[in-house]
N, C-alpha and C. Protein backbone atom coordinates (compact mmCIF):
# COMPACT_ATOMS: atom_id res chain seq x y z
N MET A 1 1.94 -54.59 -18.07
CA MET A 1 2.32 -53.44 -18.86
C MET A 1 1.34 -52.29 -18.66
N LYS A 2 0.04 -52.64 -18.66
CA LYS A 2 -0.98 -51.63 -18.48
C LYS A 2 -0.82 -50.93 -17.12
N LYS A 3 -0.47 -51.69 -16.08
CA LYS A 3 -0.26 -51.13 -14.75
C LYS A 3 0.89 -50.13 -14.76
N ASN A 4 1.95 -50.45 -15.48
CA ASN A 4 3.11 -49.56 -15.56
C ASN A 4 2.75 -48.24 -16.24
N ILE A 5 1.96 -48.32 -17.28
CA ILE A 5 1.54 -47.10 -17.99
C ILE A 5 0.67 -46.24 -17.07
N VAL A 6 -0.26 -46.86 -16.36
CA VAL A 6 -1.12 -46.13 -15.44
C VAL A 6 -0.29 -45.50 -14.33
N LEU A 7 0.63 -46.27 -13.76
CA LEU A 7 1.50 -45.77 -12.71
C LEU A 7 2.36 -44.61 -13.21
N PHE A 8 2.92 -44.77 -14.42
CA PHE A 8 3.73 -43.71 -15.02
C PHE A 8 2.89 -42.45 -15.22
N THR A 9 1.69 -42.61 -15.72
CA THR A 9 0.80 -41.46 -15.97
C THR A 9 0.48 -40.74 -14.67
N ILE A 10 0.19 -41.49 -13.62
CA ILE A 10 -0.12 -40.88 -12.32
C ILE A 10 1.10 -40.14 -11.79
N CYS A 11 2.26 -40.78 -11.82
CA CYS A 11 3.48 -40.14 -11.31
C CYS A 11 3.83 -38.91 -12.13
N PHE A 12 3.73 -39.01 -13.47
CA PHE A 12 4.03 -37.87 -14.33
C PHE A 12 3.07 -36.71 -14.05
N GLY A 13 1.81 -37.04 -13.89
CA GLY A 13 0.81 -36.01 -13.58
C GLY A 13 1.08 -35.33 -12.26
N LEU A 14 1.42 -36.12 -11.24
CA LEU A 14 1.74 -35.56 -9.93
C LEU A 14 2.98 -34.69 -10.00
N PHE A 15 4.02 -35.19 -10.68
CA PHE A 15 5.25 -34.41 -10.84
C PHE A 15 4.97 -33.10 -11.55
N SER A 16 4.21 -33.15 -12.64
CA SER A 16 3.87 -31.94 -13.40
C SER A 16 3.10 -30.95 -12.53
N PHE A 17 2.17 -31.47 -11.75
CA PHE A 17 1.36 -30.65 -10.86
C PHE A 17 2.24 -29.90 -9.87
N LEU A 18 3.19 -30.62 -9.25
CA LEU A 18 4.08 -30.00 -8.27
C LEU A 18 5.11 -29.09 -8.93
N ALA A 19 5.64 -29.50 -10.06
CA ALA A 19 6.68 -28.72 -10.74
C ALA A 19 6.14 -27.43 -11.31
N CYS A 20 4.88 -27.41 -11.68
CA CYS A 20 4.30 -26.20 -12.25
C CYS A 20 3.93 -25.19 -11.19
N GLY A 21 4.16 -25.54 -9.96
CA GLY A 21 3.94 -24.56 -8.90
C GLY A 21 2.49 -24.38 -8.54
N ASN A 22 1.85 -25.39 -8.07
CA ASN A 22 0.48 -25.25 -7.60
C ASN A 22 0.46 -24.25 -6.47
N THR A 23 -0.19 -23.13 -6.70
CA THR A 23 -0.22 -22.08 -5.69
C THR A 23 -1.61 -21.90 -5.11
N ALA A 24 -2.47 -22.89 -5.27
CA ALA A 24 -3.81 -22.77 -4.71
C ALA A 24 -3.72 -22.59 -3.21
N GLY A 25 -4.28 -21.50 -2.71
CA GLY A 25 -4.24 -21.23 -1.29
C GLY A 25 -2.98 -20.52 -0.84
N PHE A 26 -2.09 -20.21 -1.77
CA PHE A 26 -0.85 -19.54 -1.40
C PHE A 26 -0.68 -18.27 -2.20
N GLN A 27 0.09 -17.36 -1.64
CA GLN A 27 0.50 -16.17 -2.37
C GLN A 27 1.98 -15.98 -2.09
N THR A 28 2.67 -15.26 -2.95
CA THR A 28 4.08 -15.01 -2.76
C THR A 28 4.25 -13.62 -2.18
N ASN A 29 5.02 -13.52 -1.09
CA ASN A 29 5.24 -12.21 -0.49
C ASN A 29 6.37 -11.48 -1.19
N GLN A 30 6.71 -10.29 -0.73
CA GLN A 30 7.70 -9.44 -1.39
C GLN A 30 9.09 -10.05 -1.39
N THR A 31 9.38 -10.97 -0.49
CA THR A 31 10.69 -11.60 -0.44
C THR A 31 10.70 -12.94 -1.16
N GLY A 32 9.60 -13.26 -1.86
CA GLY A 32 9.53 -14.48 -2.63
C GLY A 32 9.11 -15.71 -1.85
N GLU A 33 8.81 -15.56 -0.56
CA GLU A 33 8.36 -16.68 0.24
C GLU A 33 6.86 -16.86 0.04
N GLU A 34 6.41 -18.10 0.11
CA GLU A 34 4.98 -18.35 -0.01
C GLU A 34 4.32 -18.22 1.35
N THR A 35 3.19 -17.54 1.39
CA THR A 35 2.42 -17.42 2.61
C THR A 35 1.00 -17.89 2.31
N THR A 36 0.38 -18.49 3.27
CA THR A 36 -0.95 -19.04 3.05
C THR A 36 -2.01 -17.94 3.07
N MET A 37 -3.01 -18.10 2.23
CA MET A 37 -4.13 -17.17 2.22
C MET A 37 -4.95 -17.33 3.50
N ASN A 38 -4.72 -18.42 4.19
CA ASN A 38 -5.43 -18.67 5.45
C ASN A 38 -4.60 -18.21 6.64
N GLN A 39 -3.73 -17.27 6.40
CA GLN A 39 -2.87 -16.75 7.46
C GLN A 39 -3.72 -16.30 8.65
N LYS A 40 -3.30 -16.66 9.83
CA LYS A 40 -4.06 -16.41 11.05
C LYS A 40 -3.61 -15.14 11.78
N TYR A 41 -2.58 -14.47 11.28
CA TYR A 41 -2.04 -13.32 12.00
C TYR A 41 -1.61 -12.22 11.04
N PHE A 42 -1.39 -11.04 11.59
CA PHE A 42 -0.87 -9.90 10.84
C PHE A 42 0.04 -9.13 11.77
N TYR A 43 0.69 -8.11 11.23
CA TYR A 43 1.65 -7.34 12.00
C TYR A 43 1.20 -5.89 12.12
N VAL A 44 1.53 -5.31 13.27
CA VAL A 44 1.23 -3.91 13.56
C VAL A 44 2.56 -3.27 13.95
N THR A 45 2.97 -2.25 13.20
CA THR A 45 4.25 -1.60 13.46
C THR A 45 4.02 -0.12 13.75
N ALA A 46 4.60 0.34 14.86
CA ALA A 46 4.50 1.75 15.26
C ALA A 46 5.69 2.07 16.16
N GLY A 47 6.20 3.27 16.04
CA GLY A 47 7.27 3.70 16.93
C GLY A 47 8.48 2.78 16.92
N GLY A 48 8.78 2.18 15.78
CA GLY A 48 9.93 1.28 15.68
C GLY A 48 9.72 -0.09 16.29
N GLN A 49 8.51 -0.38 16.72
CA GLN A 49 8.21 -1.69 17.32
C GLN A 49 7.17 -2.42 16.47
N THR A 50 7.31 -3.73 16.38
CA THR A 50 6.38 -4.55 15.62
C THR A 50 5.75 -5.58 16.54
N PHE A 51 4.42 -5.69 16.43
CA PHE A 51 3.65 -6.64 17.23
C PHE A 51 2.94 -7.60 16.27
N GLN A 52 2.82 -8.84 16.67
CA GLN A 52 2.03 -9.80 15.90
C GLN A 52 0.63 -9.84 16.50
N ALA A 53 -0.38 -9.79 15.63
CA ALA A 53 -1.77 -9.82 16.05
C ALA A 53 -2.48 -10.98 15.37
N ASP A 54 -3.37 -11.63 16.09
CA ASP A 54 -4.18 -12.71 15.53
C ASP A 54 -5.45 -12.11 14.93
N PHE A 55 -5.84 -12.60 13.75
CA PHE A 55 -7.10 -12.18 13.15
C PHE A 55 -8.26 -12.72 13.96
N ALA A 56 -9.33 -11.93 14.08
CA ALA A 56 -10.58 -12.40 14.68
C ALA A 56 -11.25 -13.34 13.67
N GLY A 57 -12.21 -14.11 14.14
CA GLY A 57 -12.91 -15.06 13.28
C GLY A 57 -14.23 -14.53 12.79
N ASN A 58 -14.20 -13.51 11.93
CA ASN A 58 -15.44 -12.98 11.38
C ASN A 58 -15.19 -12.43 9.97
N SER A 59 -16.26 -12.08 9.27
CA SER A 59 -16.14 -11.60 7.89
C SER A 59 -15.43 -10.25 7.82
N SER A 60 -15.50 -9.47 8.88
CA SER A 60 -14.79 -8.19 8.90
C SER A 60 -13.29 -8.41 8.88
N ALA A 61 -12.82 -9.35 9.69
CA ALA A 61 -11.39 -9.67 9.72
C ALA A 61 -10.94 -10.26 8.38
N GLU A 62 -11.80 -11.07 7.76
CA GLU A 62 -11.46 -11.61 6.44
C GLU A 62 -11.36 -10.49 5.41
N ALA A 63 -12.24 -9.51 5.47
CA ALA A 63 -12.17 -8.36 4.56
C ALA A 63 -10.91 -7.53 4.83
N PHE A 64 -10.55 -7.40 6.09
CA PHE A 64 -9.33 -6.68 6.46
C PHE A 64 -8.11 -7.43 5.93
N LYS A 65 -8.12 -8.75 6.05
CA LYS A 65 -7.03 -9.57 5.52
C LYS A 65 -6.91 -9.39 4.01
N ALA A 66 -8.03 -9.38 3.31
CA ALA A 66 -8.03 -9.17 1.85
C ALA A 66 -7.46 -7.79 1.50
N LEU A 67 -7.79 -6.80 2.31
CA LEU A 67 -7.25 -5.45 2.11
C LEU A 67 -5.73 -5.46 2.29
N LEU A 68 -5.24 -6.14 3.32
CA LEU A 68 -3.80 -6.23 3.57
C LEU A 68 -3.09 -7.05 2.51
N ALA A 69 -3.78 -8.00 1.90
CA ALA A 69 -3.17 -8.81 0.84
C ALA A 69 -2.82 -7.96 -0.37
N LYS A 70 -3.47 -6.81 -0.51
CA LYS A 70 -3.17 -5.89 -1.61
C LYS A 70 -1.92 -5.06 -1.33
N GLY A 71 -1.49 -5.02 -0.07
CA GLY A 71 -0.30 -4.26 0.31
C GLY A 71 -0.45 -3.71 1.71
N ASN A 72 0.68 -3.26 2.24
CA ASN A 72 0.67 -2.69 3.58
C ASN A 72 -0.27 -1.50 3.66
N LEU A 73 -0.82 -1.28 4.83
CA LEU A 73 -1.74 -0.19 5.07
C LEU A 73 -1.12 0.72 6.14
N THR A 74 -0.81 1.96 5.76
CA THR A 74 -0.25 2.92 6.69
C THR A 74 -1.34 3.92 7.07
N ILE A 75 -1.60 4.02 8.36
CA ILE A 75 -2.69 4.87 8.84
C ILE A 75 -2.16 5.80 9.92
N THR A 76 -2.52 7.07 9.80
CA THR A 76 -2.23 8.03 10.86
C THR A 76 -3.29 7.86 11.92
N MET A 77 -2.85 7.57 13.14
CA MET A 77 -3.79 7.31 14.23
C MET A 77 -3.58 8.35 15.34
N SER A 78 -4.70 8.82 15.88
CA SER A 78 -4.68 9.83 16.94
C SER A 78 -5.27 9.26 18.21
N ASP A 79 -4.86 9.83 19.32
CA ASP A 79 -5.37 9.38 20.61
C ASP A 79 -6.81 9.82 20.80
N TYR A 80 -7.57 8.96 21.42
CA TYR A 80 -8.96 9.29 21.75
C TYR A 80 -9.29 8.75 23.12
N GLY A 81 -9.68 9.59 24.02
CA GLY A 81 -10.19 9.19 25.33
C GLY A 81 -9.19 8.58 26.28
N ASN A 82 -7.91 8.69 25.99
CA ASN A 82 -6.88 8.08 26.84
C ASN A 82 -7.04 6.57 26.99
N PHE A 83 -7.59 5.90 25.93
CA PHE A 83 -7.68 4.45 25.97
C PHE A 83 -7.48 3.80 24.60
N GLU A 84 -7.37 4.62 23.53
CA GLU A 84 -7.24 4.05 22.19
C GLU A 84 -6.57 5.03 21.24
N LYS A 85 -6.04 4.46 20.15
CA LYS A 85 -5.59 5.23 18.98
C LYS A 85 -6.57 4.88 17.89
N VAL A 86 -6.99 5.88 17.12
CA VAL A 86 -7.99 5.67 16.08
C VAL A 86 -7.55 6.36 14.79
N GLY A 87 -7.85 5.70 13.66
CA GLY A 87 -7.54 6.27 12.36
C GLY A 87 -8.53 5.78 11.31
N ASN A 88 -8.61 6.52 10.21
CA ASN A 88 -9.53 6.20 9.13
C ASN A 88 -8.91 5.16 8.21
N LEU A 89 -9.66 4.11 7.91
CA LEU A 89 -9.19 3.06 7.02
C LEU A 89 -9.12 3.49 5.56
N GLY A 90 -9.91 4.47 5.18
CA GLY A 90 -9.97 4.88 3.78
C GLY A 90 -10.90 4.01 2.95
N THR A 91 -11.59 3.11 3.59
CA THR A 91 -12.57 2.24 2.95
C THR A 91 -13.54 1.76 4.03
N THR A 92 -14.58 1.09 3.61
CA THR A 92 -15.55 0.53 4.56
C THR A 92 -15.49 -0.99 4.51
N LEU A 93 -15.45 -1.59 5.67
CA LEU A 93 -15.46 -3.05 5.79
C LEU A 93 -16.79 -3.49 6.38
N PRO A 94 -17.17 -4.74 6.13
CA PRO A 94 -18.42 -5.25 6.74
C PRO A 94 -18.31 -5.24 8.26
N ARG A 95 -19.44 -5.00 8.90
CA ARG A 95 -19.47 -4.92 10.37
C ARG A 95 -20.06 -6.20 10.96
N ASN A 96 -19.50 -6.58 12.09
CA ASN A 96 -20.00 -7.70 12.90
C ASN A 96 -20.06 -7.22 14.34
N ASP A 97 -20.80 -6.16 14.56
CA ASP A 97 -20.82 -5.49 15.86
C ASP A 97 -21.41 -6.37 16.96
N THR A 98 -20.71 -6.37 18.08
CA THR A 98 -21.18 -6.99 19.31
C THR A 98 -20.70 -6.12 20.46
N ARG A 99 -21.34 -6.28 21.59
CA ARG A 99 -20.92 -5.53 22.78
C ARG A 99 -19.62 -6.15 23.28
N ILE A 100 -18.58 -5.33 23.37
CA ILE A 100 -17.25 -5.79 23.73
C ILE A 100 -16.69 -4.90 24.83
N THR A 101 -15.99 -5.51 25.76
CA THR A 101 -15.15 -4.76 26.68
C THR A 101 -13.72 -5.00 26.22
N THR A 102 -13.08 -3.95 25.75
CA THR A 102 -11.74 -4.08 25.20
C THR A 102 -10.70 -4.22 26.29
N SER A 103 -9.53 -4.68 25.86
CA SER A 103 -8.36 -4.73 26.72
C SER A 103 -7.16 -4.37 25.86
N PRO A 104 -6.01 -4.08 26.50
CA PRO A 104 -4.84 -3.71 25.70
C PRO A 104 -4.54 -4.75 24.61
N GLY A 105 -4.34 -4.24 23.39
CA GLY A 105 -4.02 -5.10 22.26
C GLY A 105 -5.18 -5.39 21.34
N ASP A 106 -6.40 -5.03 21.74
CA ASP A 106 -7.55 -5.24 20.86
C ASP A 106 -7.47 -4.30 19.67
N ILE A 107 -7.73 -4.85 18.49
CA ILE A 107 -7.78 -4.06 17.26
C ILE A 107 -9.22 -4.16 16.77
N ILE A 108 -9.85 -3.00 16.71
CA ILE A 108 -11.30 -2.93 16.54
C ILE A 108 -11.67 -2.10 15.31
N LEU A 109 -12.70 -2.55 14.61
CA LEU A 109 -13.31 -1.78 13.54
C LEU A 109 -14.45 -0.98 14.15
N TYR A 110 -14.43 0.33 13.93
CA TYR A 110 -15.47 1.19 14.49
C TYR A 110 -16.27 1.80 13.35
N GLN A 111 -17.56 1.60 13.36
CA GLN A 111 -18.51 2.12 12.38
C GLN A 111 -18.12 1.77 10.94
N GLY A 112 -17.41 0.67 10.77
CA GLY A 112 -17.10 0.15 9.45
C GLY A 112 -15.94 0.78 8.74
N SER A 113 -15.51 1.98 9.17
CA SER A 113 -14.48 2.68 8.41
C SER A 113 -13.30 3.20 9.23
N SER A 114 -13.32 2.99 10.53
CA SER A 114 -12.21 3.41 11.37
C SER A 114 -11.61 2.20 12.06
N ILE A 115 -10.30 2.25 12.25
CA ILE A 115 -9.62 1.17 12.95
C ILE A 115 -9.04 1.74 14.24
N THR A 116 -9.12 0.98 15.30
CA THR A 116 -8.61 1.43 16.59
C THR A 116 -7.71 0.36 17.19
N ILE A 117 -6.72 0.83 17.92
CA ILE A 117 -5.87 -0.04 18.72
C ILE A 117 -6.08 0.39 20.16
N TYR A 118 -6.57 -0.53 20.95
CA TYR A 118 -6.84 -0.22 22.36
C TYR A 118 -5.61 -0.50 23.21
N TYR A 119 -5.31 0.47 24.08
CA TYR A 119 -4.25 0.25 25.07
C TYR A 119 -4.83 0.25 26.48
N ASP A 120 -6.15 0.39 26.58
CA ASP A 120 -6.85 0.34 27.87
C ASP A 120 -8.23 -0.26 27.62
N THR A 121 -9.10 -0.21 28.60
CA THR A 121 -10.41 -0.83 28.48
C THR A 121 -11.49 0.18 28.10
N ASN A 122 -12.50 -0.34 27.44
CA ASN A 122 -13.68 0.43 27.07
C ASN A 122 -14.76 -0.58 26.68
N THR A 123 -15.99 -0.28 27.02
CA THR A 123 -17.10 -1.15 26.64
C THR A 123 -18.00 -0.40 25.67
N TRP A 124 -18.25 -1.04 24.52
CA TRP A 124 -19.09 -0.43 23.50
C TRP A 124 -19.47 -1.51 22.50
N ILE A 125 -20.22 -1.12 21.47
CA ILE A 125 -20.61 -2.06 20.42
C ILE A 125 -19.64 -1.88 19.26
N PHE A 126 -18.77 -2.88 19.08
CA PHE A 126 -17.69 -2.83 18.10
C PHE A 126 -17.64 -4.11 17.29
N THR A 127 -16.72 -4.11 16.32
CA THR A 127 -16.36 -5.31 15.57
C THR A 127 -14.88 -5.58 15.81
N ARG A 128 -14.58 -6.73 16.32
CA ARG A 128 -13.17 -7.08 16.55
C ARG A 128 -12.53 -7.53 15.24
N LEU A 129 -11.37 -6.94 14.92
CA LEU A 129 -10.58 -7.36 13.75
C LEU A 129 -9.45 -8.28 14.15
N GLY A 130 -8.91 -8.05 15.35
CA GLY A 130 -7.78 -8.86 15.78
C GLY A 130 -7.36 -8.53 17.20
N LYS A 131 -6.27 -9.17 17.61
CA LYS A 131 -5.79 -9.01 18.98
C LYS A 131 -4.29 -9.22 19.02
N ILE A 132 -3.57 -8.27 19.62
CA ILE A 132 -2.17 -8.44 19.95
C ILE A 132 -2.17 -9.09 21.33
N ASN A 133 -1.80 -10.34 21.39
CA ASN A 133 -1.85 -11.08 22.65
C ASN A 133 -0.63 -10.81 23.52
N GLY A 134 -0.85 -10.79 24.83
CA GLY A 134 0.25 -10.69 25.77
C GLY A 134 0.95 -9.35 25.83
N VAL A 135 0.31 -8.31 25.34
CA VAL A 135 0.92 -6.98 25.36
C VAL A 135 0.29 -6.16 26.49
N THR A 136 1.10 -5.34 27.12
CA THR A 136 0.60 -4.49 28.20
C THR A 136 0.29 -3.10 27.70
N ARG A 137 -0.44 -2.37 28.50
CA ARG A 137 -0.76 -0.97 28.20
C ARG A 137 0.53 -0.19 28.00
N GLU A 138 1.50 -0.41 28.88
CA GLU A 138 2.76 0.33 28.84
C GLU A 138 3.55 0.01 27.56
N GLU A 139 3.55 -1.25 27.15
CA GLU A 139 4.26 -1.64 25.91
C GLU A 139 3.62 -0.97 24.70
N LEU A 140 2.30 -0.95 24.67
CA LEU A 140 1.61 -0.30 23.55
C LEU A 140 1.86 1.21 23.54
N LEU A 141 1.76 1.83 24.70
CA LEU A 141 2.00 3.27 24.78
C LEU A 141 3.43 3.63 24.40
N SER A 142 4.37 2.77 24.70
CA SER A 142 5.76 2.99 24.31
C SER A 142 5.88 3.08 22.79
N ALA A 143 5.13 2.26 22.08
CA ALA A 143 5.16 2.26 20.61
C ALA A 143 4.26 3.35 20.01
N LEU A 144 3.09 3.54 20.60
CA LEU A 144 2.10 4.45 20.03
C LEU A 144 2.31 5.91 20.43
N GLY A 145 2.93 6.14 21.57
CA GLY A 145 3.19 7.51 22.02
C GLY A 145 1.92 8.22 22.45
N LYS A 146 2.07 9.51 22.77
CA LYS A 146 0.94 10.31 23.25
C LYS A 146 0.24 11.08 22.13
N ASP A 147 0.96 11.37 21.06
CA ASP A 147 0.41 12.16 19.97
C ASP A 147 -0.02 11.26 18.82
N SER A 148 -0.22 11.87 17.65
CA SER A 148 -0.54 11.08 16.46
C SER A 148 0.66 10.22 16.09
N VAL A 149 0.36 9.08 15.47
CA VAL A 149 1.41 8.13 15.12
C VAL A 149 1.05 7.44 13.80
N GLN A 150 2.08 7.15 13.01
CA GLN A 150 1.90 6.36 11.79
C GLN A 150 1.97 4.89 12.18
N VAL A 151 0.93 4.14 11.84
CA VAL A 151 0.89 2.71 12.15
C VAL A 151 0.80 1.96 10.84
N ILE A 152 1.63 0.94 10.70
CA ILE A 152 1.63 0.11 9.50
C ILE A 152 1.02 -1.25 9.86
N PHE A 153 -0.01 -1.63 9.12
CA PHE A 153 -0.63 -2.94 9.25
C PHE A 153 -0.17 -3.76 8.04
N SER A 154 0.30 -4.98 8.25
CA SER A 154 0.82 -5.78 7.15
C SER A 154 0.65 -7.27 7.42
N LEU A 155 0.71 -8.05 6.35
CA LEU A 155 0.67 -9.49 6.48
C LEU A 155 2.07 -10.07 6.68
N GLU A 156 3.08 -9.28 6.34
CA GLU A 156 4.47 -9.70 6.46
C GLU A 156 5.17 -8.93 7.56
N ARG A 157 6.11 -9.58 8.22
CA ARG A 157 6.92 -8.90 9.22
C ARG A 157 7.85 -7.93 8.52
N PRO A 158 7.80 -6.66 8.92
CA PRO A 158 8.68 -5.67 8.26
C PRO A 158 10.16 -5.93 8.52
């Protein structure tokens, strides 16, 4: 009898735990789907095109993820040097600067408060926030254009 009571208590506790919606490590997106706080990617939308980018493994990328968890970030980005689009984040993130040679698809934090999307190469001391893998210079330029562009960074696919 004692075993049955213990078993019942364990099962009831587990059922209650699951039924009450344990959301530890999860958040609900705008469409009601649960997404993990440990999400490994984010989305970059410009010129009607959306790219998936992987977060870098540093505290800057984690701070960027926390910023995106508050809502989409729309940034006006301008061309600089014929190799990147750059825009002001409107806040400062922690820096993890290292000497990097960029390639198309790199998303970089510059001086803690600017975000850049590289469509070509450049070597400098930056902090990597993420990377759009498998994208070409031409694909990025098709979305980013030659002039200023509105870019949306988000945790959810638009």
